[in-house]
Amino acid sequence: MAGNSKKFKTQTGGLQEKKVKVEPTKEEIKQEIKEEKAKRKEKVKKEKADKPRFGQRFKDLFSELKRVKWPTAGQAFKQTGVVLGVVLVFAVVLFGINFGLTELFKLLTKEL
């Protein structure tokens, strides 16, 4: 019960003062529970208000796609050719390394 301000009271007895824990009443506990529930409800409402609806997300998606600068057919073919060329070069390099290491391994394991 975080909101309870009457957790302790000071008691004087003899020469010393000491703090004695005071238990909250049932009404105070019920009031605190109600306040906590109300705070949670407000938090959930805020979170729901911040999230866009499903339909709104599609509207935003399509409006964003309209603003995209799409490549022309010539640009798309050119870029695809560049990608395929790079992949081919790397395939040849990896094949060469693999072939060379395989031949080296055969030489090392060959019986004399």
N, C-alpha and C. Protein backbone atom coordinates (compact mmCIF):
# COMPACT_ATOMS: atom_id res chain seq x y z
N MET A 1 0.84 -1.17 0.00
CA MET A 1 0.00 0.00 0.00
C MET A 1 0.88 1.23 0.00
N ALA A 2 1.27 1.66 -1.18
CA ALA A 2 2.26 2.70 -1.33
C ALA A 2 1.77 4.06 -0.86
N GLY A 3 0.49 4.35 -0.96
CA GLY A 3 -0.02 5.67 -0.65
C GLY A 3 -0.31 5.91 0.81
N ASN A 4 -0.08 4.95 1.68
CA ASN A 4 -0.41 5.09 3.09
C ASN A 4 0.61 5.98 3.78
N SER A 5 0.17 7.16 4.25
CA SER A 5 1.08 8.10 4.89
C SER A 5 1.11 7.89 6.41
N LYS A 6 0.25 7.05 6.96
CA LYS A 6 0.20 6.81 8.40
C LYS A 6 0.79 5.45 8.75
N LYS A 7 1.95 5.15 8.20
CA LYS A 7 2.53 3.84 8.47
C LYS A 7 3.10 3.75 9.89
N PHE A 8 3.60 4.89 10.39
CA PHE A 8 4.22 4.87 11.72
C PHE A 8 3.66 6.03 12.54
N LYS A 9 3.58 5.80 13.83
CA LYS A 9 3.25 6.90 14.73
C LYS A 9 4.29 6.88 15.85
N THR A 10 4.52 8.04 16.43
CA THR A 10 5.54 8.15 17.47
C THR A 10 4.87 7.95 18.82
N GLN A 11 5.49 7.08 19.62
CA GLN A 11 4.99 6.82 20.96
C GLN A 11 6.04 7.28 21.95
N THR A 12 5.59 7.96 22.98
CA THR A 12 6.52 8.33 24.04
C THR A 12 6.22 7.48 25.25
N GLY A 13 7.23 6.91 25.78
CA GLY A 13 7.07 6.09 26.97
C GLY A 13 8.35 6.19 27.77
N GLY A 14 8.29 6.77 28.92
CA GLY A 14 9.50 6.92 29.71
C GLY A 14 10.37 8.00 29.09
N LEU A 15 11.65 7.69 28.93
CA LEU A 15 12.59 8.68 28.41
C LEU A 15 12.80 8.54 26.90
N GLN A 16 12.30 7.48 26.29
CA GLN A 16 12.58 7.24 24.87
C GLN A 16 11.32 7.40 24.03
N GLU A 17 11.58 7.87 22.80
CA GLU A 17 10.53 7.90 21.80
C GLU A 17 10.78 6.76 20.84
N LYS A 18 9.75 6.06 20.45
CA LYS A 18 9.93 5.02 19.45
C LYS A 18 8.79 5.06 18.47
N LYS A 19 9.10 4.59 17.24
CA LYS A 19 8.09 4.56 16.19
C LYS A 19 7.42 3.20 16.22
N VAL A 20 6.11 3.21 16.20
CA VAL A 20 5.33 1.98 16.22
C VAL A 20 4.55 1.91 14.91
N LYS A 21 4.60 0.76 14.29
CA LYS A 21 3.92 0.58 13.02
C LYS A 21 2.41 0.57 13.24
N VAL A 22 1.70 1.34 12.40
CA VAL A 22 0.25 1.44 12.49
C VAL A 22 -0.33 0.69 11.30
N GLU A 23 -1.22 -0.24 11.56
CA GLU A 23 -1.86 -1.02 10.50
C GLU A 23 -2.98 -0.18 9.88
N PRO A 24 -3.07 -0.18 8.56
CA PRO A 24 -4.15 0.59 7.92
C PRO A 24 -5.50 -0.10 8.14
N THR A 25 -6.54 0.72 8.12
CA THR A 25 -7.88 0.17 8.31
C THR A 25 -8.37 -0.46 7.01
N LYS A 26 -9.44 -1.23 7.10
CA LYS A 26 -9.97 -1.88 5.90
C LYS A 26 -10.42 -0.85 4.87
N GLU A 27 -10.99 0.24 5.35
CA GLU A 27 -11.46 1.28 4.43
C GLU A 27 -10.29 1.90 3.69
N GLU A 28 -9.17 2.13 4.39
CA GLU A 28 -7.99 2.70 3.74
C GLU A 28 -7.43 1.73 2.70
N ILE A 29 -7.41 0.45 3.02
CA ILE A 29 -6.92 -0.56 2.08
C ILE A 29 -7.81 -0.60 0.84
N LYS A 30 -9.11 -0.59 1.04
CA LYS A 30 -10.05 -0.61 -0.09
C LYS A 30 -9.86 0.62 -0.97
N GLN A 31 -9.68 1.78 -0.33
CA GLN A 31 -9.49 3.02 -1.08
C GLN A 31 -8.21 2.96 -1.91
N GLU A 32 -7.14 2.44 -1.34
CA GLU A 32 -5.88 2.32 -2.07
C GLU A 32 -6.01 1.36 -3.25
N ILE A 33 -6.73 0.27 -3.06
CA ILE A 33 -6.94 -0.69 -4.15
C ILE A 33 -7.73 -0.03 -5.28
N LYS A 34 -8.77 0.73 -4.93
CA LYS A 34 -9.55 1.43 -5.95
C LYS A 34 -8.68 2.41 -6.73
N GLU A 35 -7.82 3.14 -6.02
CA GLU A 35 -6.94 4.11 -6.68
C GLU A 35 -5.97 3.40 -7.63
N GLU A 36 -5.41 2.27 -7.20
CA GLU A 36 -4.47 1.53 -8.05
C GLU A 36 -5.18 1.00 -9.30
N LYS A 37 -6.41 0.48 -9.14
CA LYS A 37 -7.17 0.00 -10.30
C LYS A 37 -7.45 1.14 -11.27
N ALA A 38 -7.81 2.30 -10.74
CA ALA A 38 -8.09 3.46 -11.60
C ALA A 38 -6.84 3.87 -12.37
N LYS A 39 -5.68 3.85 -11.70
CA LYS A 39 -4.43 4.20 -12.38
C LYS A 39 -4.13 3.21 -13.49
N ARG A 40 -4.33 1.91 -13.22
CA ARG A 40 -4.07 0.89 -14.26
C ARG A 40 -5.00 1.07 -15.45
N LYS A 41 -6.28 1.38 -15.18
CA LYS A 41 -7.24 1.60 -16.27
C LYS A 41 -6.83 2.78 -17.13
N GLU A 42 -6.38 3.87 -16.49
CA GLU A 42 -5.93 5.04 -17.23
C GLU A 42 -4.72 4.71 -18.09
N LYS A 43 -3.81 3.93 -17.55
CA LYS A 43 -2.61 3.54 -18.29
C LYS A 43 -2.98 2.71 -19.52
N VAL A 44 -3.90 1.76 -19.36
CA VAL A 44 -4.33 0.92 -20.48
C VAL A 44 -5.02 1.77 -21.54
N LYS A 45 -5.85 2.72 -21.11
CA LYS A 45 -6.53 3.60 -22.07
C LYS A 45 -5.52 4.42 -22.86
N LYS A 46 -4.49 4.93 -22.19
CA LYS A 46 -3.46 5.71 -22.88
C LYS A 46 -2.73 4.86 -23.90
N GLU A 47 -2.38 3.62 -23.53
CA GLU A 47 -1.67 2.73 -24.43
C GLU A 47 -2.52 2.40 -25.65
N LYS A 48 -3.82 2.16 -25.45
CA LYS A 48 -4.71 1.86 -26.57
C LYS A 48 -4.85 3.08 -27.48
N ALA A 49 -4.90 4.27 -26.90
CA ALA A 49 -5.06 5.48 -27.70
C ALA A 49 -3.81 5.74 -28.54
N ASP A 50 -2.64 5.36 -28.04
CA ASP A 50 -1.38 5.59 -28.75
C ASP A 50 -1.21 4.65 -29.93
N LYS A 51 -1.81 3.45 -29.89
CA LYS A 51 -1.65 2.48 -30.96
C LYS A 51 -2.62 2.80 -32.10
N PRO A 52 -2.09 2.85 -33.34
CA PRO A 52 -3.00 3.07 -34.46
C PRO A 52 -3.83 1.83 -34.75
N ARG A 53 -5.00 2.00 -35.26
CA ARG A 53 -5.89 0.89 -35.59
C ARG A 53 -5.35 0.14 -36.80
N PHE A 54 -5.88 -1.07 -37.04
CA PHE A 54 -5.43 -1.93 -38.12
C PHE A 54 -5.62 -1.27 -39.48
N GLY A 55 -6.77 -0.69 -39.71
CA GLY A 55 -7.05 -0.02 -40.97
C GLY A 55 -6.16 1.19 -41.19
N GLN A 56 -5.89 1.91 -40.13
CA GLN A 56 -5.02 3.09 -40.22
C GLN A 56 -3.61 2.67 -40.63
N ARG A 57 -3.15 1.53 -40.17
CA ARG A 57 -1.81 1.05 -40.54
C ARG A 57 -1.74 0.79 -42.03
N PHE A 58 -2.80 0.21 -42.62
CA PHE A 58 -2.80 -0.03 -44.06
C PHE A 58 -2.81 1.28 -44.84
N LYS A 59 -3.58 2.26 -44.37
CA LYS A 59 -3.60 3.56 -45.03
C LYS A 59 -2.20 4.17 -45.02
N ASP A 60 -1.54 4.11 -43.87
CA ASP A 60 -0.19 4.65 -43.76
C ASP A 60 0.78 3.89 -44.67
N LEU A 61 0.63 2.57 -44.74
CA LEU A 61 1.49 1.76 -45.59
C LEU A 61 1.36 2.15 -47.06
N PHE A 62 0.14 2.25 -47.54
CA PHE A 62 -0.07 2.59 -48.95
C PHE A 62 0.35 4.02 -49.27
N SER A 63 0.13 4.94 -48.33
CA SER A 63 0.56 6.32 -48.58
C SER A 63 2.09 6.39 -48.62
N GLU A 64 2.76 5.58 -47.82
CA GLU A 64 4.23 5.54 -47.85
C GLU A 64 4.72 4.92 -49.15
N LEU A 65 4.05 3.87 -49.62
CA LEU A 65 4.46 3.22 -50.88
C LEU A 65 4.25 4.15 -52.08
N LYS A 66 3.29 5.06 -52.01
CA LYS A 66 3.09 6.01 -53.10
C LYS A 66 4.27 6.98 -53.21
N ARG A 67 4.91 7.26 -52.10
CA ARG A 67 6.02 8.21 -52.09
C ARG A 67 7.35 7.57 -52.47
N VAL A 68 7.39 6.24 -52.60
CA VAL A 68 8.63 5.55 -52.95
C VAL A 68 8.98 5.84 -54.40
N LYS A 69 10.27 6.09 -54.67
CA LYS A 69 10.72 6.30 -56.05
C LYS A 69 11.11 4.93 -56.60
N TRP A 70 10.24 4.37 -57.46
CA TRP A 70 10.47 3.05 -58.01
C TRP A 70 11.44 3.15 -59.18
N PRO A 71 12.34 2.14 -59.31
CA PRO A 71 13.28 2.18 -60.44
C PRO A 71 12.57 1.86 -61.76
N THR A 72 13.14 2.36 -62.84
CA THR A 72 12.59 2.02 -64.15
C THR A 72 13.00 0.59 -64.48
N ALA A 73 12.43 0.04 -65.56
CA ALA A 73 12.75 -1.34 -65.95
C ALA A 73 14.23 -1.46 -66.29
N GLY A 74 14.78 -0.46 -66.96
CA GLY A 74 16.20 -0.48 -67.33
C GLY A 74 17.10 -0.49 -66.10
N GLN A 75 16.76 0.35 -65.12
CA GLN A 75 17.55 0.39 -63.88
C GLN A 75 17.46 -0.94 -63.14
N ALA A 76 16.27 -1.53 -63.10
CA ALA A 76 16.09 -2.81 -62.39
C ALA A 76 16.92 -3.90 -63.05
N PHE A 77 16.91 -3.98 -64.41
CA PHE A 77 17.72 -5.00 -65.10
C PHE A 77 19.21 -4.77 -64.87
N LYS A 78 19.62 -3.51 -64.90
CA LYS A 78 21.04 -3.19 -64.70
C LYS A 78 21.49 -3.60 -63.29
N GLN A 79 20.70 -3.26 -62.29
CA GLN A 79 21.06 -3.61 -60.92
C GLN A 79 21.03 -5.12 -60.70
N THR A 80 20.09 -5.81 -61.33
CA THR A 80 20.04 -7.26 -61.22
C THR A 80 21.28 -7.88 -61.85
N GLY A 81 21.70 -7.35 -62.99
CA GLY A 81 22.92 -7.83 -63.65
C GLY A 81 24.14 -7.65 -62.78
N VAL A 82 24.23 -6.51 -62.09
CA VAL A 82 25.37 -6.25 -61.19
C VAL A 82 25.39 -7.28 -60.07
N VAL A 83 24.24 -7.54 -59.48
CA VAL A 83 24.16 -8.51 -58.39
C VAL A 83 24.56 -9.90 -58.87
N LEU A 84 24.03 -10.33 -60.01
CA LEU A 84 24.38 -11.65 -60.54
C LEU A 84 25.87 -11.74 -60.88
N GLY A 85 26.44 -10.66 -61.41
CA GLY A 85 27.88 -10.64 -61.72
C GLY A 85 28.73 -10.80 -60.46
N VAL A 86 28.39 -10.09 -59.42
CA VAL A 86 29.14 -10.18 -58.16
C VAL A 86 29.02 -11.59 -57.58
N VAL A 87 27.84 -12.17 -57.61
CA VAL A 87 27.64 -13.53 -57.11
C VAL A 87 28.48 -14.51 -57.92
N LEU A 88 28.52 -14.35 -59.25
CA LEU A 88 29.30 -15.23 -60.12
C LEU A 88 30.80 -15.12 -59.80
N VAL A 89 31.30 -13.91 -59.62
CA VAL A 89 32.71 -13.72 -59.29
C VAL A 89 33.04 -14.41 -57.96
N PHE A 90 32.22 -14.22 -56.96
CA PHE A 90 32.48 -14.87 -55.67
C PHE A 90 32.40 -16.39 -55.77
N ALA A 91 31.47 -16.90 -56.59
CA ALA A 91 31.36 -18.35 -56.76
C ALA A 91 32.64 -18.90 -57.38
N VAL A 92 33.18 -18.22 -58.39
CA VAL A 92 34.43 -18.67 -59.03
C VAL A 92 35.58 -18.63 -58.03
N VAL A 93 35.69 -17.55 -57.26
CA VAL A 93 36.77 -17.43 -56.27
C VAL A 93 36.66 -18.55 -55.23
N LEU A 94 35.47 -18.79 -54.71
CA LEU A 94 35.30 -19.85 -53.70
C LEU A 94 35.57 -21.23 -54.29
N PHE A 95 35.15 -21.46 -55.54
CA PHE A 95 35.43 -22.72 -56.19
C PHE A 95 36.94 -22.92 -56.33
N GLY A 96 37.66 -21.88 -56.71
CA GLY A 96 39.12 -21.96 -56.85
C GLY A 96 39.80 -22.28 -55.53
N ILE A 97 39.37 -21.60 -54.46
CA ILE A 97 39.96 -21.86 -53.13
C ILE A 97 39.67 -23.29 -52.71
N ASN A 98 38.44 -23.73 -52.88
CA ASN A 98 38.05 -25.09 -52.51
C ASN A 98 38.87 -26.12 -53.31
N PHE A 99 38.99 -25.92 -54.62
CA PHE A 99 39.74 -26.86 -55.47
C PHE A 99 41.21 -26.90 -55.04
N GLY A 100 41.79 -25.73 -54.80
CA GLY A 100 43.20 -25.68 -54.40
C GLY A 100 43.44 -26.38 -53.07
N LEU A 101 42.59 -26.15 -52.09
CA LEU A 101 42.76 -26.79 -50.79
C LEU A 101 42.53 -28.29 -50.88
N THR A 102 41.61 -28.73 -51.73
CA THR A 102 41.37 -30.16 -51.90
C THR A 102 42.60 -30.84 -52.49
N GLU A 103 43.21 -30.23 -53.52
CA GLU A 103 44.42 -30.80 -54.14
C GLU A 103 45.58 -30.82 -53.14
N LEU A 104 45.71 -29.78 -52.34
CA LEU A 104 46.77 -29.72 -51.33
C LEU A 104 46.57 -30.82 -50.30
N PHE A 105 45.34 -31.04 -49.89
CA PHE A 105 45.04 -32.10 -48.92
C PHE A 105 45.37 -33.47 -49.50
N LYS A 106 45.06 -33.67 -50.78
CA LYS A 106 45.38 -34.95 -51.45
C LYS A 106 46.90 -35.17 -51.47
N LEU A 107 47.67 -34.12 -51.72
CA LEU A 107 49.13 -34.24 -51.74
C LEU A 107 49.68 -34.59 -50.37
N LEU A 108 49.08 -34.00 -49.34
CA LEU A 108 49.57 -34.23 -47.98
C LEU A 108 49.23 -35.63 -47.48
N THR A 109 48.10 -36.17 -47.92
CA THR A 109 47.67 -37.49 -47.43
C THR A 109 48.11 -38.63 -48.37
N LYS A 110 48.73 -38.31 -49.47
CA LYS A 110 49.17 -39.34 -50.44
C LYS A 110 50.30 -40.17 -49.82
N GLU A 111 50.18 -41.49 -49.97
CA GLU A 111 51.21 -42.38 -49.44
C GLU A 111 52.39 -42.42 -50.40
N LEU A 112 53.57 -42.44 -49.86
CA LEU A 112 54.77 -42.48 -50.70
C LEU A 112 55.16 -43.86 -51.09
